[in-house]
N, C-alpha and C. Protein backbone atom coordinates (compact mmCIF):
# COMPACT_ATOMS: atom_id res chain seq x y z
N MET A 1 -26.59 28.42 -1.98
CA MET A 1 -25.92 27.94 -3.26
C MET A 1 -26.67 26.75 -3.75
N ASP A 2 -27.12 26.65 -5.22
CA ASP A 2 -27.67 25.71 -5.83
C ASP A 2 -26.64 24.62 -6.27
N GLN A 3 -27.07 23.72 -6.77
CA GLN A 3 -26.34 22.50 -7.18
C GLN A 3 -25.66 23.07 -8.49
N SER A 4 -25.77 23.80 -9.11
CA SER A 4 -25.16 24.26 -10.46
C SER A 4 -23.76 25.04 -10.02
N THR A 5 -23.89 25.75 -8.89
CA THR A 5 -22.86 26.75 -8.71
C THR A 5 -21.95 25.96 -7.55
N ARG A 6 -22.36 25.04 -7.03
CA ARG A 6 -21.50 24.18 -6.18
C ARG A 6 -20.40 23.54 -6.78
N LYS A 7 -19.21 23.55 -6.14
CA LYS A 7 -18.12 22.80 -6.76
C LYS A 7 -18.26 21.29 -6.21
N SER A 8 -17.92 20.61 -7.37
CA SER A 8 -18.09 19.03 -7.04
C SER A 8 -16.81 18.64 -6.36
N ARG A 9 -17.09 17.60 -5.60
CA ARG A 9 -15.90 16.87 -4.74
C ARG A 9 -15.81 15.48 -5.48
N PRO A 10 -14.53 15.24 -5.21
CA PRO A 10 -14.22 13.97 -5.87
C PRO A 10 -14.99 12.81 -5.02
N ILE A 11 -15.38 11.91 -5.74
CA ILE A 11 -15.94 10.72 -5.11
C ILE A 11 -14.73 9.48 -5.13
N TYR A 12 -14.23 9.01 -4.00
CA TYR A 12 -12.96 8.27 -3.83
C TYR A 12 -13.57 6.75 -4.06
N ASP A 13 -12.57 6.23 -4.72
CA ASP A 13 -12.53 4.69 -4.85
C ASP A 13 -11.18 3.96 -4.49
N ALA A 14 -11.18 2.96 -4.51
CA ALA A 14 -9.70 2.14 -4.27
C ALA A 14 -8.58 2.78 -5.18
N THR A 15 -9.12 2.94 -6.42
CA THR A 15 -8.00 3.56 -7.51
C THR A 15 -7.68 5.06 -7.33
N SER A 16 -8.49 5.80 -6.32
CA SER A 16 -8.13 7.12 -6.30
C SER A 16 -6.63 7.40 -5.68
N ARG A 17 -6.27 8.56 -6.11
CA ARG A 17 -4.94 8.87 -5.50
C ARG A 17 -5.19 10.31 -4.83
N PRO A 18 -5.44 10.24 -3.42
CA PRO A 18 -5.82 11.56 -2.83
C PRO A 18 -4.64 12.12 -2.40
N LEU A 19 -4.79 13.62 -2.23
CA LEU A 19 -3.58 14.42 -1.85
C LEU A 19 -4.29 15.60 -1.02
N ILE A 20 -3.29 15.97 -0.01
CA ILE A 20 -3.66 17.16 0.76
C ILE A 20 -3.37 18.48 -0.17
N PRO A 21 -4.40 19.41 -0.43
CA PRO A 21 -4.17 20.56 -1.30
C PRO A 21 -3.32 21.61 -0.33
N ARG A 22 -2.69 22.52 -1.16
CA ARG A 22 -1.81 23.48 -0.76
C ARG A 22 -2.48 24.21 0.47
N HIS A 23 -3.58 24.45 0.69
CA HIS A 23 -4.27 25.43 1.66
C HIS A 23 -4.66 24.44 2.99
N VAL A 24 -4.31 23.22 2.84
CA VAL A 24 -4.39 22.39 4.12
C VAL A 24 -3.06 21.78 4.51
N LYS A 25 -2.78 21.84 5.95
CA LYS A 25 -1.46 21.55 6.32
C LYS A 25 -1.59 20.55 7.51
N LEU A 26 -1.00 19.30 7.11
CA LEU A 26 -0.94 18.26 8.33
C LEU A 26 0.55 18.71 9.16
N ARG A 27 0.26 19.07 10.10
CA ARG A 27 1.52 19.36 11.14
C ARG A 27 1.40 18.65 12.34
N PHE A 28 2.68 18.62 12.93
CA PHE A 28 2.80 18.11 14.49
C PHE A 28 2.71 19.40 15.30
N ASP A 29 1.78 19.68 16.07
CA ASP A 29 1.77 20.99 17.13
C ASP A 29 2.31 20.53 18.36
N MET A 30 3.58 21.11 18.68
CA MET A 30 4.28 21.07 19.81
C MET A 30 3.67 21.28 21.26
N ALA A 31 2.73 22.48 21.03
CA ALA A 31 2.06 23.14 21.84
C ALA A 31 0.92 21.87 22.30
N ARG A 32 0.32 21.23 21.55
CA ARG A 32 -0.76 20.06 21.82
C ARG A 32 -0.32 18.74 21.99
N ASP A 33 1.13 18.62 21.52
CA ASP A 33 1.81 17.43 21.44
C ASP A 33 0.97 16.53 20.59
N ARG A 34 0.46 16.84 19.52
CA ARG A 34 -0.34 16.02 18.65
C ARG A 34 -0.27 16.44 17.33
N TRP A 35 -0.79 15.73 16.32
CA TRP A 35 -0.87 16.14 15.09
C TRP A 35 -2.10 16.93 14.89
N VAL A 36 -2.02 18.04 13.95
CA VAL A 36 -3.29 18.70 13.82
C VAL A 36 -3.40 18.80 12.12
N ILE A 37 -4.61 19.07 11.66
CA ILE A 37 -4.95 19.64 10.42
C ILE A 37 -5.27 20.85 10.46
N LEU A 38 -4.39 21.80 9.67
CA LEU A 38 -4.62 23.19 9.60
C LEU A 38 -5.41 23.62 8.44
N VAL A 39 -6.45 24.21 8.55
CA VAL A 39 -7.33 24.58 7.27
C VAL A 39 -7.56 26.14 7.48
N PRO A 40 -7.98 26.91 6.70
CA PRO A 40 -8.29 28.32 7.11
C PRO A 40 -9.51 28.42 8.13
N GLU A 41 -9.11 29.03 9.12
CA GLU A 41 -9.87 29.56 10.35
C GLU A 41 -10.30 28.18 11.13
N ARG A 42 -9.77 27.03 10.98
CA ARG A 42 -10.00 25.72 11.56
C ARG A 42 -8.74 24.85 11.98
N VAL A 43 -8.68 24.19 13.04
CA VAL A 43 -7.87 23.38 13.54
C VAL A 43 -8.49 21.92 13.75
N LEU A 44 -8.28 20.95 12.98
CA LEU A 44 -8.73 19.71 13.23
C LEU A 44 -7.72 18.74 13.84
N VAL A 45 -8.24 17.93 14.99
CA VAL A 45 -7.25 17.03 15.58
C VAL A 45 -7.51 15.60 15.22
N PRO A 46 -6.95 15.14 14.22
CA PRO A 46 -7.32 13.59 13.73
C PRO A 46 -6.76 12.55 14.75
N ASP A 47 -7.29 11.41 14.85
CA ASP A 47 -6.81 10.36 15.68
C ASP A 47 -5.48 9.87 15.07
N ASP A 48 -4.67 9.04 15.71
CA ASP A 48 -3.28 8.52 15.24
C ASP A 48 -3.44 7.63 13.76
N ILE A 49 -4.66 6.81 13.78
CA ILE A 49 -4.74 6.29 12.54
C ILE A 49 -5.26 7.16 11.25
N ALA A 50 -5.97 8.19 11.57
CA ALA A 50 -6.07 9.06 10.42
C ALA A 50 -4.84 9.79 10.07
N VAL A 51 -4.06 10.16 10.98
CA VAL A 51 -2.69 10.85 10.68
C VAL A 51 -1.84 9.81 10.03
N GLU A 52 -2.00 8.64 10.32
CA GLU A 52 -1.09 7.62 9.44
C GLU A 52 -1.52 7.41 8.07
N VAL A 53 -2.98 7.44 7.83
CA VAL A 53 -3.53 7.40 6.43
C VAL A 53 -3.04 8.77 5.72
N LEU A 54 -3.31 9.87 6.38
CA LEU A 54 -3.04 11.29 5.58
C LEU A 54 -1.80 11.24 5.45
N GLN A 55 -0.69 10.85 6.12
CA GLN A 55 0.61 10.81 5.75
C GLN A 55 1.11 10.12 4.50
N LEU A 56 0.10 9.31 4.15
CA LEU A 56 0.57 8.36 2.91
C LEU A 56 -0.29 9.00 1.60
N CYS A 57 -1.13 9.88 1.84
CA CYS A 57 -2.06 10.55 0.79
C CYS A 57 -0.97 11.44 -0.11
N ASP A 58 -0.16 11.13 -0.98
CA ASP A 58 0.77 12.00 -1.49
C ASP A 58 0.40 12.27 -2.91
N GLY A 59 -0.71 11.84 -3.31
CA GLY A 59 -1.05 12.18 -4.57
C GLY A 59 -0.38 10.85 -5.83
N GLN A 60 0.46 10.25 -5.09
CA GLN A 60 1.07 9.11 -6.11
C GLN A 60 0.42 7.78 -5.64
N ARG A 61 0.31 7.58 -4.41
CA ARG A 61 -0.14 6.20 -3.99
C ARG A 61 -1.76 6.28 -4.17
N ARG A 62 -2.31 5.08 -4.76
CA ARG A 62 -3.76 4.83 -4.85
C ARG A 62 -4.17 4.53 -3.29
N ILE A 63 -5.48 4.73 -3.34
CA ILE A 63 -6.05 4.34 -1.71
C ILE A 63 -5.84 2.70 -1.53
N GLN A 64 -5.76 1.95 -2.69
CA GLN A 64 -5.67 0.43 -2.48
C GLN A 64 -4.17 0.43 -1.95
N ASP A 65 -3.20 1.35 -2.49
CA ASP A 65 -1.69 1.18 -1.89
C ASP A 65 -1.78 1.46 -0.68
N VAL A 66 -2.34 2.43 -0.03
CA VAL A 66 -2.38 2.77 1.18
C VAL A 66 -3.07 1.67 2.06
N VAL A 67 -3.99 1.09 1.57
CA VAL A 67 -4.69 -0.05 2.48
C VAL A 67 -3.69 -1.18 2.46
N ASP A 68 -2.79 -1.48 1.40
CA ASP A 68 -1.98 -2.62 1.53
C ASP A 68 -0.88 -2.48 2.43
N LEU A 69 -0.44 -1.24 2.65
CA LEU A 69 0.68 -1.02 3.34
C LEU A 69 0.12 -1.02 4.85
N LEU A 70 -1.09 -0.60 4.98
CA LEU A 70 -1.52 -0.50 6.57
C LEU A 70 -1.90 -2.03 6.85
N ALA A 71 -2.43 -2.74 5.89
CA ALA A 71 -2.65 -4.23 6.12
C ALA A 71 -1.45 -4.88 6.53
N ALA A 72 -0.50 -4.77 5.76
CA ALA A 72 0.81 -5.43 6.06
C ALA A 72 1.54 -5.14 7.35
N LYS A 73 1.30 -3.72 7.79
CA LYS A 73 1.90 -3.20 8.96
C LYS A 73 1.32 -3.68 10.24
N TYR A 74 -0.11 -3.81 10.14
CA TYR A 74 -1.00 -4.02 11.19
C TYR A 74 -1.54 -5.48 11.05
N THR A 75 -1.19 -6.35 10.12
CA THR A 75 -1.78 -7.66 10.15
C THR A 75 -3.13 -7.54 10.26
N ALA A 76 -3.97 -6.90 9.40
CA ALA A 76 -5.26 -6.56 9.55
C ALA A 76 -6.14 -6.85 8.28
N ASP A 77 -7.44 -6.94 8.25
CA ASP A 77 -8.10 -7.36 7.21
C ASP A 77 -8.28 -6.04 6.27
N PRO A 78 -7.86 -6.32 4.98
CA PRO A 78 -7.85 -5.17 4.03
C PRO A 78 -8.97 -4.51 3.80
N ASP A 79 -10.05 -5.48 3.73
CA ASP A 79 -11.26 -4.94 3.45
C ASP A 79 -11.89 -3.98 4.44
N LEU A 80 -11.71 -4.35 5.71
CA LEU A 80 -12.05 -3.51 6.73
C LEU A 80 -11.29 -2.15 6.61
N ILE A 81 -9.89 -2.31 6.38
CA ILE A 81 -9.12 -1.06 6.30
C ILE A 81 -9.87 -0.16 5.01
N LEU A 82 -10.06 -0.85 3.92
CA LEU A 82 -10.54 -0.02 2.96
C LEU A 82 -11.85 0.75 3.03
N THR A 83 -12.60 0.15 3.92
CA THR A 83 -13.89 0.53 4.35
C THR A 83 -13.68 1.85 4.96
N ASP A 84 -12.89 1.72 6.01
CA ASP A 84 -12.47 2.88 6.98
C ASP A 84 -11.82 3.99 6.28
N CYS A 85 -10.91 3.70 5.34
CA CYS A 85 -10.11 4.68 4.59
C CYS A 85 -10.94 5.44 3.75
N LEU A 86 -11.80 4.84 2.92
CA LEU A 86 -12.70 5.41 2.29
C LEU A 86 -13.85 6.34 2.98
N ALA A 87 -14.27 6.05 4.10
CA ALA A 87 -15.00 6.84 4.88
C ALA A 87 -14.34 8.02 5.25
N LEU A 88 -13.18 7.77 5.89
CA LEU A 88 -12.28 9.00 6.31
C LEU A 88 -12.04 9.94 5.40
N LEU A 89 -11.51 9.37 4.10
CA LEU A 89 -11.14 10.41 2.98
C LEU A 89 -12.33 11.09 2.40
N GLN A 90 -13.10 10.31 2.08
CA GLN A 90 -14.27 10.92 1.48
C GLN A 90 -14.87 11.95 2.41
N ASP A 91 -15.09 11.89 3.58
CA ASP A 91 -15.43 12.98 4.58
C ASP A 91 -14.57 14.14 4.46
N LEU A 92 -13.33 14.05 4.49
CA LEU A 92 -12.31 15.04 4.29
C LEU A 92 -12.46 15.54 2.75
N ALA A 93 -13.00 14.88 1.93
CA ALA A 93 -12.94 15.47 0.43
C ALA A 93 -14.20 16.25 0.48
N ASN A 94 -15.34 15.75 1.19
CA ASN A 94 -16.48 16.50 0.91
C ASN A 94 -16.31 17.63 1.72
N LYS A 95 -15.34 18.06 2.64
CA LYS A 95 -15.37 19.16 3.22
C LYS A 95 -14.39 20.27 2.74
N GLY A 96 -13.69 19.72 1.40
CA GLY A 96 -12.69 20.56 0.60
C GLY A 96 -11.32 20.23 1.17
N TYR A 97 -10.99 19.58 2.13
CA TYR A 97 -9.84 19.25 2.86
C TYR A 97 -8.79 18.44 2.00
N LEU A 98 -9.26 17.73 1.03
CA LEU A 98 -8.52 16.76 0.35
C LEU A 98 -8.98 16.63 -1.20
N LEU A 99 -7.96 16.39 -2.11
CA LEU A 99 -8.28 16.43 -3.35
C LEU A 99 -7.88 14.86 -4.16
N ALA A 100 -8.55 14.73 -5.29
CA ALA A 100 -7.78 13.78 -6.13
C ALA A 100 -6.67 14.28 -6.88
N ALA A 101 -5.82 13.49 -7.13
CA ALA A 101 -4.45 13.86 -7.69
C ALA A 101 -4.77 14.44 -9.28
N SER A 102 -5.96 14.12 -9.90
CA SER A 102 -6.35 14.84 -10.99
C SER A 102 -6.81 16.25 -11.10
N GLU A 103 -7.21 16.39 -9.81
CA GLU A 103 -7.91 17.79 -9.83
C GLU A 103 -6.92 19.07 -9.55
N PRO A 104 -7.38 20.10 -10.17
CA PRO A 104 -6.39 21.36 -9.90
C PRO A 104 -6.42 21.73 -8.46
N GLN A 105 -5.20 22.44 -8.21
CA GLN A 105 -5.07 22.79 -6.88
C GLN A 105 -5.72 24.26 -6.85
N PRO A 106 -6.59 24.54 -5.59
CA PRO A 106 -7.16 25.87 -5.57
C PRO A 106 -6.27 27.10 -5.41
């Protein structure tokens, strides 16, 4: 697939409003006793921090809002949280598992 036919992915910054698309589900799996991300033909097992970040990705909150909530909850450095959140969310977006709120749902 060349660059002209590849679907572009959002590039996230602190003002982006990420959201989980309809084809991706964040669910608690009773059998595994863990949260999982269900995508077509895949099951991802995120760590506890990733789950907390993803639960806040509703398409309404900006990434900076998520960072502020987590920084207050954990009394942590917002700059470090922002760096980690952007890396996590960008990785998921690059794989097609996360959208920006302004993107159409597939």
